[in-house]
Amino acid sequence: MKILSIGKKLHHDGLNITFIEPSSLREHHNIELYTYIIINGGDGTIRRVLKQLHNLNNMPIFILNPTGSFNVVAKIHRAPKIEKVLDALANGETPKTQKHHLFKLNDEIFLFSAGNMGDLQHIFLSETLRFGPLKHGILKYILAVILLIPAHVIMTPFMLMSKSRFFIFTPARFIKKFGSFYGEVKEITIDLENEYNMLELDGDIITVHGKHLHIKQAGSVPVVTQ
């Protein structure tokens, strides 16, 4: 059994755990030889790692060690403490897994959230506040929500009616579609009207070149759950 830890050095008696930084992933060969891959970080780190690995023929099982501010993916799967998972592996136990569905936006992969509505403004302001005592934790996100309430109240109705605006949040898939809000992703095409566009993906801000977005399902990966 081979285990790869991305983003943090982990040690456990009885287990051989290889460590690499996320930036070294492209140069790390034979990824498919690993049985388990531990992703240490928040939702953005998970997204960036899976963007590189989601097309593997022999898919490893992913273990989440959430260290971000929100850790939505870890909460969705009720990810157990990393110590508990490593203890189970050392004892020869096979952990329980769930599928996490992935979605593709042009050449990008996202896990649960994408958009250019209030979510984009919220993440942008939250990242601006990431300094001093607000650097870690969720306080910066809460403060950003409070500061943006007047703008959201005014803009959201117009954005929901706009064909060039959209917000996808798959944990709310019980709301299939409401205006330009999508809780369910099947296949979506959006004309953004501009060549360069800033978008939010799983709490990251990216820039997309091109007017047209093609959004669709992109398979799934196995994730350790409780």
Protein backbone atom coordinates (compact mmCIF):
# COMPACT_ATOMS: atom_id res chain seq x y z
CA MET A 1 0.00 0.00 0.00
CA LYS A 2 1.50 3.32 -1.10
CA ILE A 3 0.31 6.63 0.32
CA LEU A 4 1.04 10.11 -1.02
CA SER A 5 0.56 13.22 1.12
CA ILE A 6 0.22 16.49 -0.78
CA GLY A 7 0.91 19.72 1.08
CA LYS A 8 1.96 18.42 4.50
CA LYS A 9 4.44 15.93 5.91
CA LEU A 10 2.64 13.18 7.81
CA HIS A 11 4.13 10.34 9.82
CA HIS A 12 2.52 7.21 11.22
CA ASP A 13 4.08 4.03 12.57
CA GLY A 14 3.55 1.17 10.15
CA LEU A 15 2.77 3.37 7.14
CA ASN A 16 5.06 4.59 4.40
CA ILE A 17 3.84 8.06 3.45
CA THR A 18 5.54 9.99 0.64
CA PHE A 19 5.33 13.79 0.82
CA ILE A 20 5.30 16.36 -2.00
CA GLU A 21 4.30 20.00 -2.31
CA PRO A 22 1.29 20.74 -4.57
CA SER A 23 3.60 22.60 -6.97
CA SER A 24 5.60 19.40 -7.53
CA LEU A 25 2.62 17.27 -8.52
CA ARG A 26 3.18 17.58 -12.27
CA GLU A 27 6.74 16.30 -11.93
CA HIS A 28 5.79 13.41 -9.65
CA HIS A 29 5.44 10.34 -11.86
CA ASN A 30 3.59 7.05 -11.35
CA ILE A 31 0.74 8.67 -9.41
CA GLU A 32 -1.45 5.69 -10.31
CA LEU A 33 0.76 3.43 -8.20
CA TYR A 34 -0.56 5.08 -5.02
CA THR A 35 -3.49 3.46 -3.26
CA TYR A 36 -4.34 6.58 -1.26
CA ILE A 37 -3.64 10.28 -1.81
CA ILE A 38 -4.00 12.66 1.13
CA ILE A 39 -4.90 16.23 0.18
CA ASN A 40 -3.98 18.67 2.95
CA GLY A 41 -5.70 22.03 2.51
CA GLY A 42 -8.99 23.72 1.79
CA ASP A 43 -11.45 23.50 -1.09
CA GLY A 44 -9.18 25.45 -3.46
CA THR A 45 -6.28 23.06 -2.87
CA ILE A 46 -8.53 20.05 -3.45
CA ARG A 47 -9.79 21.58 -6.70
CA ARG A 48 -6.30 22.31 -7.99
CA VAL A 49 -5.06 18.81 -7.17
CA LEU A 50 -8.06 17.07 -8.74
CA LYS A 51 -7.76 19.24 -11.84
CA GLN A 52 -4.47 17.44 -12.49
CA LEU A 53 -5.54 13.96 -11.40
CA HIS A 54 -9.21 13.51 -12.32
CA ASN A 55 -8.42 11.72 -15.61
CA LEU A 56 -6.26 8.95 -14.15
CA ASN A 57 -7.12 5.48 -15.44
CA ASN A 58 -6.40 3.82 -12.11
CA MET A 59 -7.94 6.28 -9.65
CA PRO A 60 -6.49 6.35 -6.10
CA ILE A 61 -8.73 6.94 -3.10
CA PHE A 62 -8.54 10.50 -1.80
CA ILE A 63 -8.26 11.29 1.91
CA LEU A 64 -9.14 14.85 2.90
CA ASN A 65 -7.24 16.61 5.68
CA PRO A 66 -9.11 19.94 5.76
CA THR A 67 -7.06 22.96 6.83
CA GLY A 68 -8.91 25.71 4.95
CA SER A 69 -11.44 28.27 6.16
CA PHE A 70 -14.68 26.66 4.96
CA ASN A 71 -13.78 23.09 3.92
CA VAL A 72 -17.11 22.56 2.16
CA VAL A 73 -16.05 19.33 0.42
CA ALA A 74 -14.82 17.83 3.70
CA LYS A 75 -18.11 18.77 5.38
CA ILE A 76 -20.15 17.24 2.55
CA HIS A 77 -18.40 13.91 3.07
CA ARG A 78 -18.06 14.20 6.85
CA ALA A 79 -14.34 13.62 6.41
CA PRO A 80 -12.92 11.87 9.48
CA LYS A 81 -9.85 13.13 11.35
CA ILE A 82 -6.66 12.24 9.51
CA GLU A 83 -5.30 10.43 12.59
CA LYS A 84 -8.34 8.15 12.63
CA VAL A 85 -7.93 7.29 8.94
CA LEU A 86 -4.21 6.57 9.29
CA ASP A 87 -4.84 4.38 12.35
CA ALA A 88 -7.39 2.39 10.36
CA LEU A 89 -5.01 1.94 7.43
CA ALA A 90 -2.20 0.85 9.75
CA ASN A 91 -4.55 -1.76 11.24
CA GLY A 92 -5.31 -3.16 7.78
CA GLU A 93 -8.83 -1.75 7.65
CA THR A 94 -10.43 -0.46 4.45
CA PRO A 95 -12.05 2.96 5.01
CA LYS A 96 -15.54 3.76 3.80
CA THR A 97 -15.71 5.93 0.67
CA GLN A 98 -18.20 8.06 -1.23
CA LYS A 99 -18.13 9.43 -4.75
CA HIS A 100 -17.59 13.14 -5.15
CA HIS A 101 -18.91 14.39 -8.47
CA LEU A 102 -16.77 16.77 -10.48
CA PHE A 103 -17.83 19.41 -12.97
CA LYS A 104 -15.98 20.95 -15.89
CA LEU A 105 -16.08 24.61 -16.92
CA ASN A 106 -14.22 24.89 -20.23
CA ASP A 107 -10.73 23.65 -19.23
CA GLU A 108 -11.25 24.08 -15.49
CA ILE A 109 -12.54 21.60 -12.93
CA PHE A 110 -14.72 22.60 -9.99
CA LEU A 111 -16.18 20.64 -7.09
CA PHE A 112 -19.34 22.41 -5.94
CA SER A 113 -19.35 26.15 -6.69
CA ALA A 114 -18.84 28.41 -9.69
CA GLY A 115 -20.12 31.81 -10.67
CA ASN A 116 -19.77 35.49 -11.43
CA MET A 117 -22.53 36.87 -9.21
CA GLY A 118 -22.43 37.80 -5.53
CA ASP A 119 -20.15 34.84 -4.85
CA LEU A 120 -17.38 36.49 -6.90
CA GLN A 121 -17.67 39.79 -5.04
CA HIS A 122 -17.77 37.96 -1.71
CA ILE A 123 -14.59 35.96 -2.38
CA PHE A 124 -12.78 39.00 -3.78
CA LEU A 125 -13.55 41.10 -0.68
CA SER A 126 -12.79 38.18 1.66
CA GLU A 127 -9.36 37.70 0.09
CA THR A 128 -8.73 41.45 0.37
CA LEU A 129 -9.38 41.12 4.10
CA ARG A 130 -6.95 38.21 4.47
CA PHE A 131 -4.35 39.90 6.70
CA GLY A 132 -3.53 40.29 10.40
CA PRO A 133 -6.07 38.68 12.74
CA LEU A 134 -8.36 37.97 9.77
CA LYS A 135 -5.77 35.91 7.89
CA HIS A 136 -7.03 32.56 9.18
CA GLY A 137 -10.53 31.32 9.96
CA ILE A 138 -13.95 32.31 8.69
CA LEU A 139 -14.24 35.78 10.25
CA LYS A 140 -13.13 37.50 7.04
CA TYR A 141 -15.93 35.73 5.12
CA ILE A 142 -18.54 36.76 7.69
CA LEU A 143 -17.31 40.37 7.64
CA ALA A 144 -17.40 40.39 3.83
CA VAL A 145 -21.03 39.19 3.87
CA ILE A 146 -22.00 41.98 6.27
CA LEU A 147 -20.24 44.66 4.21
CA LEU A 148 -21.81 43.42 0.97
CA ILE A 149 -25.42 43.06 2.17
CA PRO A 150 -26.59 46.42 0.68
CA ALA A 151 -24.99 45.63 -2.68
CA HIS A 152 -26.41 42.08 -2.73
CA VAL A 153 -29.92 43.31 -1.94
CA ILE A 154 -29.79 45.72 -4.88
CA MET A 155 -27.87 43.62 -7.43
CA THR A 156 -29.08 40.05 -6.88
CA PRO A 157 -32.54 40.38 -8.51
CA PHE A 158 -30.95 41.88 -11.64
CA MET A 159 -28.19 39.24 -11.72
CA LEU A 160 -30.75 36.43 -11.43
CA MET A 161 -32.41 37.80 -14.59
CA SER A 162 -29.15 38.25 -16.53
CA LYS A 163 -28.15 35.73 -19.20
CA SER A 164 -24.46 36.56 -18.74
CA ARG A 165 -24.47 36.01 -14.96
CA PHE A 166 -24.64 32.67 -13.18
CA PHE A 167 -24.08 30.97 -9.86
CA ILE A 168 -23.76 27.21 -9.38
CA PHE A 169 -23.90 25.69 -5.89
CA THR A 170 -24.42 21.93 -6.06
CA PRO A 171 -25.03 21.31 -2.32
CA ALA A 172 -28.37 23.10 -3.02
CA ARG A 173 -29.28 20.71 -5.85
CA PHE A 174 -32.83 20.49 -4.50
CA ILE A 175 -33.18 23.86 -6.30
CA LYS A 176 -32.57 22.69 -9.86
CA LYS A 177 -32.67 26.18 -11.40
CA PHE A 178 -33.91 29.58 -10.33
CA GLY A 179 -33.15 32.32 -12.82
CA SER A 180 -29.38 32.23 -13.27
CA PHE A 181 -28.90 30.14 -10.10
CA TYR A 182 -28.21 26.44 -10.65
CA GLY A 183 -28.29 23.80 -7.94
CA GLU A 184 -27.98 21.00 -10.48
CA VAL A 185 -25.47 20.71 -13.32
CA LYS A 186 -26.25 18.75 -16.45
CA GLU A 187 -25.01 20.78 -19.41
CA ILE A 188 -25.00 24.58 -19.42
CA THR A 189 -23.78 27.05 -22.05
CA ILE A 190 -23.35 30.71 -21.07
CA ASP A 191 -22.39 33.72 -23.20
CA LEU A 192 -20.42 36.11 -21.00
CA GLU A 193 -20.32 38.87 -23.67
CA ASN A 194 -16.69 39.76 -22.84
CA GLU A 195 -13.37 38.14 -23.82
CA TYR A 196 -11.77 38.23 -20.35
CA ASN A 197 -13.86 37.30 -17.32
CA MET A 198 -13.22 36.78 -13.64
CA LEU A 199 -15.00 33.79 -12.10
CA GLU A 200 -15.22 32.14 -8.71
CA LEU A 201 -14.53 28.40 -8.55
CA ASP A 202 -14.76 26.70 -5.14
CA GLY A 203 -13.58 29.86 -3.41
CA ASP A 204 -10.78 30.58 -5.89
CA ILE A 205 -10.83 33.52 -8.30
CA ILE A 206 -9.71 32.69 -11.83
CA THR A 207 -9.63 34.54 -15.15
CA VAL A 208 -11.20 32.88 -18.20
CA HIS A 209 -10.29 33.95 -21.73
CA GLY A 210 -13.25 33.67 -24.10
CA LYS A 211 -16.88 34.71 -24.22
CA HIS A 212 -18.45 31.27 -24.02
CA LEU A 213 -18.63 28.88 -21.08
CA HIS A 214 -19.50 25.23 -21.51
CA ILE A 215 -20.28 23.58 -18.17
CA LYS A 216 -20.94 19.86 -17.74
CA GLN A 217 -20.44 16.89 -15.46
CA ALA A 218 -16.91 15.45 -15.38
CA GLY A 219 -17.12 12.12 -13.59
CA SER A 220 -16.32 11.46 -9.96
CA VAL A 221 -13.53 10.52 -7.55
CA PRO A 222 -13.64 8.32 -4.41
CA VAL A 223 -13.30 10.20 -1.12
CA VAL A 224 -12.91 8.70 2.38
CA THR A 225 -15.92 9.36 4.59
CA GLN A 226 -17.07 8.37 8.06
